[in-house]
Protein backbone atom coordinates (compact mmCIF):
# COMPACT_ATOMS: atom_id res chain seq x y z
CA MET A 1 30.34 11.78 -18.54
CA LEU A 2 33.85 12.80 -19.58
CA GLY A 3 35.17 9.26 -19.18
CA GLN A 4 38.28 7.69 -17.65
CA ASP A 5 41.48 9.70 -17.74
CA ALA A 6 44.01 8.37 -20.27
CA ASN A 7 46.21 11.41 -20.81
CA TRP A 8 49.84 11.26 -21.96
CA ASP A 9 51.15 11.98 -18.46
CA ILE A 10 49.40 9.08 -16.74
CA LEU A 11 50.71 6.73 -19.43
CA GLY A 12 54.14 8.22 -18.90
CA TYR A 13 54.61 8.86 -15.21
CA HIS A 14 51.61 9.80 -13.04
CA TYR A 15 50.87 6.12 -12.39
CA TYR A 16 54.40 4.70 -12.58
CA ASN A 17 56.00 7.25 -10.21
CA GLY A 18 53.67 6.32 -7.36
CA TYR A 19 54.26 2.63 -8.01
CA ALA A 20 58.04 3.12 -8.14
CA PHE A 21 58.12 5.02 -4.85
CA ILE A 22 55.98 2.55 -2.92
CA HIS A 23 57.78 -0.51 -4.34
CA HIS A 24 61.30 0.96 -4.00
CA ARG A 25 62.19 0.84 -7.69
CA LEU A 26 64.03 4.18 -7.83
CA GLY A 27 67.40 2.42 -7.88
CA GLN A 28 66.21 -0.50 -9.99
CA ASP A 29 64.74 1.30 -13.03
CA ILE A 30 66.51 4.11 -14.88
CA ALA A 31 64.25 6.91 -16.20
CA PRO A 32 61.52 4.69 -17.69
CA ALA A 33 59.18 7.70 -17.55
CA LEU A 34 61.79 10.03 -19.07
CA MET A 35 63.00 12.96 -16.97
CA GLN A 36 59.64 13.04 -15.18
CA SER A 37 60.62 9.79 -13.44
CA TYR A 38 62.31 11.98 -10.82
CA LEU A 39 59.55 14.43 -9.91
CA ASN A 40 58.33 14.54 -6.30
CA PRO A 41 56.12 11.42 -6.16
CA PHE A 42 53.69 12.45 -3.39
CA PHE A 43 50.73 13.37 -5.61
CA ASP A 44 51.44 10.35 -7.81
CA VAL A 45 51.34 8.05 -4.79
CA ILE A 46 47.74 9.27 -4.34
CA ASN A 47 47.04 8.52 -8.02
CA TYR A 48 48.59 5.06 -7.77
CA LEU A 49 46.68 4.11 -4.62
CA LEU A 50 43.33 5.32 -5.98
CA ILE A 51 43.86 3.47 -9.27
CA SER A 52 45.11 0.29 -7.59
CA ILE A 53 42.52 0.06 -4.83
CA GLN A 54 39.32 1.49 -6.31
CA LYS A 55 37.20 0.73 -9.36
CA PRO A 56 37.78 3.14 -12.27
CA LYS A 57 34.54 5.10 -11.77
CA VAL A 58 35.22 5.50 -8.06
CA THR A 59 38.76 6.61 -8.85
CA GLY A 60 37.42 9.20 -11.30
CA PHE A 61 34.93 10.41 -8.70
CA LEU A 62 37.60 10.79 -6.01
CA LEU A 63 40.02 12.54 -8.37
CA GLY A 64 37.19 14.86 -9.36
CA ALA A 65 36.54 15.59 -5.68
CA PHE A 66 39.79 17.58 -5.55
CA SER A 67 38.18 20.04 -7.97
CA GLY A 68 34.97 19.99 -5.95
CA ILE A 69 36.76 20.92 -2.71
CA THR A 70 38.58 23.67 -4.63
CA CYS A 71 35.16 25.06 -5.64
CA PHE A 72 34.18 25.08 -1.96
CA PHE A 73 37.19 27.25 -1.10
CA LEU A 74 36.46 29.52 -4.07
CA TYR A 75 32.88 30.02 -2.86
CA GLN A 76 34.07 30.75 0.68
CA ILE A 77 36.58 33.29 -0.68
CA ALA A 78 33.73 34.98 -2.55
CA ILE A 79 31.64 35.13 0.64
CA ILE A 80 34.53 36.88 2.41
CA LEU A 81 35.13 39.34 -0.42
CA PHE A 82 31.46 40.30 -0.84
CA ALA A 83 30.76 40.38 2.91
CA SER A 84 29.76 44.07 2.85
CA THR A 85 26.78 43.43 0.55
CA SER A 86 23.32 42.09 1.44
CA PHE A 87 22.68 38.38 1.78
CA TYR A 88 20.99 38.21 -1.64
CA GLN A 89 23.75 40.16 -3.37
CA ARG A 90 26.50 38.23 -1.62
CA THR A 91 25.00 34.89 -2.68
CA ALA A 92 24.40 36.04 -6.26
CA TYR A 93 27.90 37.48 -6.65
CA ALA A 94 29.46 34.34 -5.15
CA LEU A 95 27.52 32.08 -7.51
CA PHE A 96 28.41 34.19 -10.56
CA SER A 97 32.08 34.08 -9.48
CA LEU A 98 31.86 30.33 -9.06
CA ILE A 99 30.27 29.46 -12.41
CA ILE A 100 32.51 31.82 -14.40
CA GLY A 101 35.73 30.71 -12.69
CA THR A 102 35.08 26.96 -12.65
CA THR A 103 33.85 26.45 -16.21
CA GLY A 104 37.11 27.47 -17.89
CA ALA A 105 39.20 25.47 -20.34
CA ALA A 106 41.63 24.23 -17.68
CA ASN A 107 39.24 23.32 -14.86
CA ILE A 108 36.66 21.38 -16.88
CA SER A 109 39.21 19.53 -19.02
CA LEU A 110 41.21 18.49 -15.94
CA LEU A 111 38.24 17.15 -13.94
CA GLY A 112 39.00 13.68 -12.63
CA THR A 113 42.46 13.54 -14.21
CA THR A 114 45.81 12.56 -12.71
CA THR A 115 47.80 15.59 -13.96
CA ASN A 116 47.98 16.90 -10.34
CA ASP A 117 47.09 20.45 -11.39
CA SER A 118 43.76 20.11 -9.57
CA LYS A 119 45.53 18.94 -6.41
CA MET A 120 47.95 21.88 -6.63
CA SER A 121 45.06 24.32 -7.19
CA LEU A 122 43.24 22.98 -4.13
CA LEU A 123 46.22 23.87 -1.93
CA VAL A 124 46.66 27.27 -3.62
CA MET A 125 43.01 28.23 -3.12
CA ALA A 126 43.11 27.02 0.48
CA ALA A 127 46.18 29.19 1.08
CA LEU A 128 44.43 32.22 -0.46
CA TYR A 129 41.37 31.62 1.72
CA LEU A 130 43.47 31.42 4.88
CA LEU A 131 45.40 34.56 3.97
CA LEU A 132 42.16 36.49 3.45
CA LYS A 133 40.97 35.25 6.84
CA SER A 134 44.15 36.69 8.37
CA ILE A 135 43.27 40.14 6.98
CA LEU A 136 39.98 40.07 8.89
CA GLU A 137 41.43 38.83 12.17
CA ILE A 138 43.54 40.57 14.78
CA GLU A 139 46.56 39.65 16.90
CA ARG A 140 46.89 35.90 17.61
CA LYS A 141 44.37 34.63 15.05
CA GLN A 142 45.87 36.84 12.39
CA LEU A 143 49.29 35.31 13.03
CA LEU A 144 47.80 31.80 13.08
CA TYR A 145 46.01 32.19 9.74
CA THR A 146 49.12 33.76 8.17
CA MET A 147 51.26 30.81 9.29
CA LEU A 148 48.70 28.27 8.06
CA SER A 149 48.39 29.98 4.68
CA ALA A 150 52.17 30.07 4.25
CA LEU A 151 52.53 26.43 5.30
CA VAL A 152 49.86 25.29 2.82
CA ILE A 153 51.31 27.19 -0.14
CA GLY A 154 54.79 25.94 0.84
CA LEU A 155 53.47 22.36 0.70
CA ALA A 156 51.96 23.10 -2.72
CA VAL A 157 55.33 24.31 -4.05
CA GLY A 158 57.09 21.28 -2.60
CA PHE A 159 54.67 18.84 -4.19
CA LYS A 160 54.51 20.64 -7.57
CA LEU A 161 57.06 23.33 -8.44
CA PRO A 162 54.77 25.48 -10.68
CA ALA A 163 52.91 26.48 -7.49
CA ALA A 164 55.89 28.77 -6.80
CA CYS A 165 54.14 31.35 -9.03
CA TYR A 166 51.32 31.56 -6.51
CA ALA A 167 53.60 31.61 -3.49
CA VAL A 168 55.21 34.76 -4.92
CA GLY A 169 51.76 36.20 -5.68
CA LEU A 170 50.43 35.54 -2.17
CA PHE A 171 53.53 37.05 -0.58
CA ALA A 172 53.16 40.18 -2.74
CA GLY A 173 49.46 40.37 -1.85
CA LEU A 174 50.23 40.19 1.86
CA LEU A 175 53.12 42.64 1.60
CA PHE A 176 51.00 45.41 0.04
CA SER A 177 47.72 44.68 1.83
CA ARG A 178 48.50 47.01 4.77
CA LYS A 179 50.57 50.07 5.57
CA TRP A 180 54.03 48.97 6.54
CA ASN A 181 54.82 48.91 10.24
CA LYS A 182 56.80 46.63 12.50
CA ARG A 183 53.95 44.15 13.00
CA HIS A 184 53.17 43.92 9.29
CA ILE A 185 56.82 43.38 8.39
CA PHE A 186 56.94 40.71 11.10
CA LEU A 187 53.92 38.97 9.51
CA CYS A 188 55.60 39.05 6.10
CA VAL A 189 58.78 37.51 7.55
CA VAL A 190 56.70 34.82 9.28
CA PHE A 191 54.91 34.13 5.99
CA GLY A 192 58.18 33.70 4.09
CA THR A 193 59.61 31.47 6.83
CA PHE A 194 56.60 29.16 6.86
CA VAL A 195 56.50 28.97 3.06
CA LEU A 196 60.07 27.70 3.19
CA SER A 197 59.17 25.32 6.03
CA GLY A 198 56.23 23.90 4.08
CA PHE A 199 58.38 23.50 0.98
CA LEU A 200 61.09 21.63 2.88
CA LEU A 201 58.49 19.50 4.66
CA ALA A 202 56.99 18.45 1.32
CA ASN A 203 60.14 18.25 -0.79
CA GLY A 204 63.16 18.22 1.53
CA TYR A 205 63.54 14.44 1.69
CA TRP A 206 63.18 14.19 -2.09
CA MET A 207 65.74 16.94 -2.73
CA VAL A 208 68.24 15.09 -0.54
CA PHE A 209 67.61 11.90 -2.52
CA LEU A 210 68.07 13.69 -5.85
CA TYR A 211 71.22 15.50 -4.77
CA LYS A 212 72.72 12.31 -3.38
CA ASN A 213 72.10 10.42 -6.63
CA PHE A 214 72.26 13.12 -9.32
CA GLN A 215 74.07 16.14 -7.78
CA ASN A 216 71.00 18.30 -8.40
CA PRO A 217 68.32 18.74 -5.69
CA LEU A 218 65.73 19.69 -8.34
CA TYR A 219 66.88 17.10 -10.93
CA PRO A 220 66.39 17.25 -13.85
CA TYR A 221 65.11 20.84 -13.72
CA TYR A 222 67.23 23.96 -13.40
CA ASN A 223 70.22 21.92 -14.46
CA ASN A 224 71.51 25.08 -16.11
CA ILE A 225 72.33 26.08 -12.52
CA PHE A 226 73.39 22.79 -10.89
CA HIS A 227 75.14 21.24 -13.93
CA SER A 228 74.49 17.60 -13.12
CA SER A 229 76.23 15.43 -15.70
CA PHE A 230 73.21 13.12 -15.77
CA ALA A 231 70.89 15.54 -17.61
CA PRO A 232 70.96 18.27 -20.26
CA TYR A 233 71.61 21.84 -19.13
CA ILE A 234 67.93 22.80 -19.22
CA SER A 235 66.01 25.26 -17.04
CA PHE A 236 62.48 24.19 -16.05
CA ASN A 237 60.47 23.55 -19.15
CA ILE A 238 60.93 20.32 -21.05
CA LEU A 239 58.23 21.33 -23.53
CA PRO A 240 59.31 24.18 -25.83
CA ILE A 241 56.17 26.20 -25.14
CA HIS A 242 58.08 29.48 -25.12
CA SER A 243 59.34 28.88 -28.64
CA THR A 244 55.81 29.55 -29.92
CA LEU A 245 55.85 33.05 -28.41
CA HIS A 246 58.21 34.92 -30.69
CA SER A 247 58.03 38.49 -29.48
CA PHE A 248 57.43 40.77 -26.53
CA TYR A 249 54.03 41.69 -27.95
CA GLN A 250 52.95 38.06 -28.09
CA PHE A 251 53.82 37.70 -24.41
CA LEU A 252 52.04 40.95 -23.60
CA LEU A 253 48.91 40.08 -25.60
CA LEU A 254 48.84 36.35 -24.76
CA PRO A 255 45.39 36.45 -23.06
CA PHE A 256 43.91 38.00 -26.18
CA TYR A 257 45.53 35.39 -28.43
CA LEU A 258 43.90 32.75 -26.24
CA ALA A 259 40.57 34.56 -26.55
CA VAL A 260 40.30 35.01 -30.30
CA SER A 261 41.67 31.75 -31.71
CA ARG A 262 42.03 28.06 -31.00
CA ASN A 263 45.74 27.43 -30.59
CA THR A 264 48.48 25.49 -28.82
CA GLN A 265 50.58 28.47 -27.73
CA THR A 266 50.30 27.53 -24.06
CA SER A 267 49.14 23.94 -24.26
CA GLU A 268 50.00 20.58 -25.79
CA ALA A 269 46.30 20.30 -26.79
CA VAL A 270 44.21 22.88 -28.65
CA LEU A 271 42.32 25.33 -26.43
CA GLN A 272 40.55 28.70 -26.48
CA ASP A 273 39.41 30.70 -23.47
CA MET A 274 38.43 34.36 -23.04
CA ARG A 275 38.52 34.60 -19.24
CA LEU A 276 41.98 36.09 -18.82
CA ALA A 277 41.37 38.52 -21.69
CA VAL A 278 38.06 39.64 -20.15
CA VAL A 279 39.80 40.24 -16.80
CA PHE A 280 42.46 42.46 -18.35
CA PHE A 281 40.00 44.31 -20.62
CA ILE A 282 37.61 45.14 -17.76
CA LEU A 283 40.61 45.94 -15.54
CA MET A 284 41.58 48.80 -17.87
CA ILE A 285 38.06 50.25 -17.59
CA PHE A 286 38.08 49.67 -13.82
CA ILE A 287 41.38 51.54 -13.34
CA LEU A 288 40.09 54.41 -15.49
CA LYS A 289 36.96 54.64 -13.31
CA LEU A 290 39.04 54.72 -10.11
CA CYS A 291 41.17 57.54 -11.53
CA VAL A 292 38.08 59.54 -12.54
CA ASP A 293 36.52 59.04 -9.10
CA LYS A 294 39.67 60.11 -7.28
CA TYR A 295 40.94 63.00 -9.38
CA LEU A 296 37.82 64.42 -11.04
CA LEU A 297 34.97 63.55 -8.69
CA LYS A 298 37.16 63.81 -5.57
CA LYS A 299 35.78 60.58 -4.09
CA PRO A 300 38.27 59.20 -1.56
CA PHE A 301 39.11 55.49 -1.72
CA ASP A 302 38.20 53.78 1.54
CA PHE A 303 40.94 51.26 2.38
CA ASP A 304 38.78 49.27 4.83
CA ALA A 305 39.09 45.54 5.57
CA SER A 306 36.95 44.53 2.57
CA ASN A 307 38.97 46.64 0.15
CA ARG A 308 42.22 45.39 1.67
CA CYS A 309 41.05 41.86 0.86
CA TRP A 310 40.30 42.86 -2.72
CA PHE A 311 43.65 44.62 -3.01
CA LEU A 312 45.35 41.42 -1.85
CA VAL A 313 43.46 39.33 -4.44
CA PHE A 314 44.23 41.73 -7.30
CA THR A 315 47.91 41.87 -6.33
CA TYR A 316 48.04 38.09 -5.98
CA PHE A 317 46.47 37.63 -9.41
CA LEU A 318 48.63 40.13 -11.29
CA VAL A 319 51.94 39.09 -9.70
CA SER A 320 51.19 35.38 -10.07
CA TYR A 321 50.21 35.90 -13.70
CA GLY A 322 53.44 37.78 -14.39
CA VAL A 323 55.59 35.08 -12.79
CA TRP A 324 53.66 32.34 -14.60
CA LEU A 325 54.06 34.13 -17.92
CA ILE A 326 57.84 34.50 -17.75
CA THR A 327 58.54 31.08 -16.22
CA PHE A 328 56.10 28.43 -17.48
CA SER A 329 53.39 29.81 -19.81
CA VAL A 330 51.68 26.40 -19.65
CA TYR A 331 47.94 27.04 -19.45
CA ARG A 332 46.98 24.19 -17.15
CA TYR A 333 49.47 25.52 -14.60
CA ALA A 334 47.38 28.72 -14.65
CA LEU A 335 44.32 26.91 -13.25
CA PRO A 336 44.38 28.95 -9.98
CA LEU A 337 44.32 32.15 -12.09
CA GLU A 338 41.41 30.85 -14.13
CA LEU A 339 39.48 30.06 -10.94
CA VAL A 340 40.04 33.55 -9.50
CA SER A 341 39.10 35.25 -12.79
CA GLY A 342 35.41 34.95 -11.96
CA LEU A 343 35.89 36.82 -8.68
CA LEU A 344 37.71 39.70 -10.35
CA ILE A 345 35.23 39.98 -13.22
CA VAL A 346 32.22 40.07 -10.89
CA PHE A 347 33.78 42.63 -8.55
CA MET A 348 34.78 44.98 -11.35
CA VAL A 349 31.38 44.70 -13.07
CA LYS A 350 29.72 45.36 -9.69
CA THR A 351 31.84 48.50 -9.28
CA ILE A 352 31.40 49.84 -12.81
CA LEU A 353 27.75 49.03 -13.58
CA LYS A 354 24.71 50.31 -11.69
CA PRO A 355 21.98 49.29 -10.79
CA GLU A 356 22.05 45.61 -9.81
CA TRP A 357 19.84 44.31 -12.61
CA ARG A 358 22.37 45.57 -15.17
CA GLN A 359 25.15 43.75 -13.35
CA GLU A 360 23.22 40.50 -13.34
CA ALA A 361 22.17 40.86 -16.98
CA PHE A 362 25.74 41.61 -18.05
CA LEU A 363 27.22 38.72 -16.05
CA THR A 364 24.57 36.29 -17.36
CA ALA A 365 25.26 37.32 -20.96
CA LEU A 366 29.01 37.13 -20.37
CA PHE A 367 28.72 33.61 -18.93
CA PHE A 368 26.91 32.33 -22.03
CA ILE A 369 29.46 34.05 -24.30
CA LEU A 370 32.30 32.43 -22.38
CA MET A 371 30.65 29.01 -22.54
CA GLY A 372 29.97 29.39 -26.25
CA THR A 373 33.53 30.38 -27.14
CA THR A 374 35.59 28.16 -24.82
CA CYS A 375 37.37 25.25 -26.51
CA TYR A 376 38.26 22.60 -23.95
CA PRO A 377 41.55 20.77 -24.61
CA ASP A 378 41.31 17.02 -25.06
CA TRP A 379 43.95 15.40 -22.87
CA GLY A 380 42.78 11.88 -23.72
CA ARG A 381 39.99 9.80 -22.21
CA ILE A 382 38.51 6.34 -22.71
CA LYS A 383 35.33 4.59 -21.57
CA PHE A 384 35.31 3.28 -18.02
CA GLY A 385 36.14 -0.41 -17.82
CA LYS A 386 36.27 -3.08 -15.14
CA PHE A 387 39.88 -2.16 -14.29
CA TYR A 388 41.74 1.10 -14.83
CA PHE A 389 44.48 -0.63 -16.79
CA GLU A 390 43.83 -3.87 -18.64
CA MET A 391 46.50 -5.92 -20.43
CA SER A 392 48.06 -9.35 -20.57
CA VAL A 393 51.83 -8.92 -20.76
CA PRO A 394 54.08 -11.64 -22.25
CA SER A 395 56.13 -13.76 -19.86
CA LEU A 396 59.80 -12.92 -19.39
CA PRO A 397 62.82 -14.82 -18.03
CA PRO A 398 63.95 -13.92 -14.49
CA ASN A 399 65.95 -10.69 -14.01
CA THR A 400 65.30 -9.46 -17.54
CA ILE A 401 66.43 -5.96 -18.60
CA VAL A 402 63.89 -4.14 -20.78
CA MET A 403 65.13 -1.19 -22.84
CA MET A 404 62.18 1.17 -23.42
CA THR A 405 62.92 2.71 -26.80
CA THR A 406 59.89 4.99 -26.98
CA HIS A 407 57.34 6.63 -24.69
CA PRO A 408 54.92 6.97 -22.92
CA LEU A 409 54.97 3.35 -21.80
CA ALA A 410 55.80 3.36 -18.08
CA TYR A 411 52.20 2.52 -17.13
CA VAL A 412 52.76 -1.10 -18.18
CA ILE A 413 55.70 -1.65 -15.81
CA PRO A 414 53.63 -2.70 -12.74
CA PHE A 415 52.18 -5.59 -14.77
CA PHE A 416 55.57 -7.20 -15.45
CA PRO A 417 57.46 -9.41 -12.95
CA ALA A 418 58.92 -7.37 -10.09
CA ASP A 419 62.49 -8.48 -10.84
CA THR A 420 62.38 -6.97 -14.36
CA ARG A 421 64.53 -3.86 -14.75
CA PHE A 422 63.34 -1.07 -17.08
CA ILE A 423 65.70 1.42 -18.74
CA GLY A 424 64.27 4.52 -20.46
CA MET A 425 66.22 5.08 -23.69
CA PRO A 426 64.80 8.34 -25.13
CA PHE A 427 65.04 10.40 -21.94
CA VAL A 428 68.11 12.15 -23.39
CA ASP A 429 68.15 13.29 -27.00
CA PHE A 430 71.20 11.46 -28.36
CA GLU A 431 72.84 12.42 -31.59
CA GLU A 432 73.67 9.60 -33.92
CA ASP A 433 77.35 10.49 -34.33
CA ARG A 434 79.98 8.53 -32.46
CA ALA A 435 81.34 11.57 -30.61
CA VAL A 436 78.32 11.86 -28.30
CA LEU A 437 78.70 8.21 -27.36
CA ASP A 438 82.33 8.73 -26.41
CA ARG A 439 82.59 8.07 -22.66
CA ARG A 440 85.70 10.23 -22.51
CA GLN A 441 83.54 13.35 -22.82
CA SER A 442 83.27 14.38 -19.19
CA ASP A 443 80.43 16.85 -19.89
CA SER A 444 78.27 14.37 -21.82
CA HIS A 445 74.74 14.66 -20.49
CA GLY A 446 74.18 11.08 -21.62
CA ARG A 447 76.41 9.77 -18.87
CA LEU A 448 73.61 8.12 -16.93
CA LEU A 449 72.53 5.93 -19.85
CA LEU A 450 76.12 5.30 -20.88
CA ASP A 451 76.95 4.05 -17.39
CA VAL A 452 73.94 1.74 -17.52
CA MET A 453 74.89 0.46 -20.98
CA SER A 454 78.40 -0.28 -19.76
CA GLU A 455 76.94 -2.30 -16.89
CA ILE A 456 74.62 -4.14 -19.26
CA MET A 457 77.46 -4.99 -21.63
CA HIS A 458 79.39 -6.61 -18.80
CA SER A 459 76.43 -8.78 -17.80
CA SER A 460 74.24 -9.04 -20.91
CA LYS A 461 75.50 -12.50 -21.87
CA GLN A 462 74.12 -13.78 -18.59
CA VAL A 463 71.06 -11.46 -18.37
CA PRO A 464 68.38 -11.43 -21.11
CA VAL A 465 67.77 -8.03 -22.73
CA TYR A 466 64.53 -6.98 -24.46
CA THR A 467 63.19 -3.81 -26.08
CA LEU A 468 59.70 -2.41 -25.52
CA ALA A 469 58.08 0.01 -27.98
CA PHE A 470 54.90 0.73 -29.92
CA GLN A 471 54.07 -1.63 -32.76
CA GLN A 472 54.72 1.16 -35.24
CA SER A 473 58.26 2.53 -34.88
CA ASP A 474 58.73 6.26 -34.37
CA ASP A 475 61.83 8.46 -34.61
CA GLY A 476 62.72 7.93 -30.94
CA ASP A 477 62.55 4.17 -31.35
CA LYS A 478 64.76 4.21 -34.45
CA LYS A 479 67.37 6.43 -32.80
CA ALA A 480 67.40 4.27 -29.65
CA LEU A 481 67.92 1.13 -31.71
CA LYS A 482 70.94 2.75 -33.38
CA VAL A 483 72.40 3.51 -29.95
CA LEU A 484 71.85 -0.12 -28.89
CA ALA A 485 73.47 -1.34 -32.09
CA HIS A 486 76.51 0.76 -31.20
CA PHE A 487 76.81 -1.41 -28.09
CA GLY A 488 76.39 -4.64 -30.05
CA LEU A 489 72.69 -5.33 -29.39
CA VAL A 490 70.09 -5.75 -32.15
CA GLN A 491 66.53 -6.98 -32.13
CA ASP A 492 65.72 -10.60 -32.91
CA LYS A 493 62.67 -9.59 -34.95
CA SER A 494 61.57 -13.18 -35.55
CA ARG A 495 60.78 -13.55 -31.82
CA CYS A 496 58.99 -10.23 -31.21
CA VAL A 497 55.66 -10.49 -29.37
CA LEU A 498 52.73 -8.06 -29.64
CA PHE A 499 50.26 -7.28 -26.85
CA LYS A 500 47.45 -4.74 -26.48
CA THR A 501 46.25 -2.53 -23.63
CA ASN A 502 42.92 -0.81 -22.97
CA MET A 503 44.71 2.51 -23.61
CA LYS A 504 44.45 1.76 -27.36
CA ASP A 505 48.16 0.91 -27.53
CA THR A 506 49.60 -2.11 -29.32
CA LEU A 507 53.08 -2.74 -27.92
CA LYS A 508 55.99 -4.77 -29.21
CA LEU A 509 58.37 -6.71 -26.94
CA CYS A 510 61.50 -7.97 -28.70
CA PRO A 511 64.47 -10.00 -27.39
CA MET A 512 67.94 -8.71 -28.25
CA LYS A 513 70.84 -10.66 -29.73
CA HIS A 514 74.56 -9.84 -29.84
CA ILE A 515 76.60 -8.61 -32.74
CA GLN A 516 80.11 -7.21 -32.78
CA SER A 517 79.96 -3.71 -31.27
CA TYR A 518 81.87 -0.61 -32.18
CA PRO A 519 84.82 0.23 -29.91
CA ILE A 520 83.89 2.68 -27.13
């Protein structure tokens, strides 16, 4: 019903990266999908194979299945957490947890998409499930489940770096789930070791490749630490999400901003969701009740296996949220938090409200309020067609170099001849002044493109050069054309060719001709 995924990321890199890895184009093309050309391609290989082999509706179904399997793990986690209740209560609480947690702004909007957040969340929820199983087991099985949980979350981090938030949260949950003794400390050390092992298993080969080619094993991210000359000195975020959060109070009250207004503070697309705000609001009441029970009513807190599991989940949620807030603050990366929110809400309502009919009435009313106030971000979708991507690209001479002067366009690359080389122009924000184009600047983060341009200038009279952009020029296209003109290449506008794609894009392919260039 939602339609075929056509979000910015699949047009930019979630299709191209898988294609590039399988067809060994990593040394042939230069950043055609901007900096994201160099992310770990494992999840995108899955996207590429599903799109290439299956019909669009089948592809959408299979991509949606990642969310479905995640729901299965969420339900199983709920069954573990509510194990001390009756069968009827356990089933009701699990279903309430499921429908509240899985109908949020992130989960519904990402169903059947290629953004890989659903794939990451599947691994995170599986790791949480296995860690909870370890709490309930003893001796050998406990060690086995702990190792499996750590390995799975390590794989998640290796495949998609934002999962590191949840690795920290799971470790904190395990660390404080029991009284410290030699065996528990041993389990924590084992957990940390297997997280690292899973990460290296998933990302080790890719880090070696990146370091060998760009002197940064996490290229282009955290280049403020590694100082590769091929990229700007950025940390993780390419999108300036944090710039919209101007004060400590906006960070502190972020869930409530998301609850009361439709905004783009944590998202490229407009969204509104109350789930995180409801968790923190009820949490304040819940903590107050625990304090009253302990200090006024003298009711001791029983730290049995069930409560240890809940303590782990609460610790995991709060620590993961804190790490997410100070590192990424991108809402779709918080999908595992959104999924768990239903569990926390149901448990706290169950603890605070008595009898059961009041709990069910409150949770039912809350569900309808959440559904009525949630604004789901629109990442971009189209109607399902016969093929996922449909276009008829113009013919090109052999061994052509195509300068991509705008983005996102990398999804068209697989439809061109295999010997065509694509160069992404806007992947570094060049200034228009001559100083930035001066190759003598050893710290210029444009070195990668400058090296490529030098190579092109030595061979461009023998090799045809084209530009690829949208029909309507944007600022990136204009700036890129000025850079090309600096090297003596301008468009032959009389020979430009237009072609359309089913992604509602009209693209312009133009041959380049030589003029006298500025001295470099």
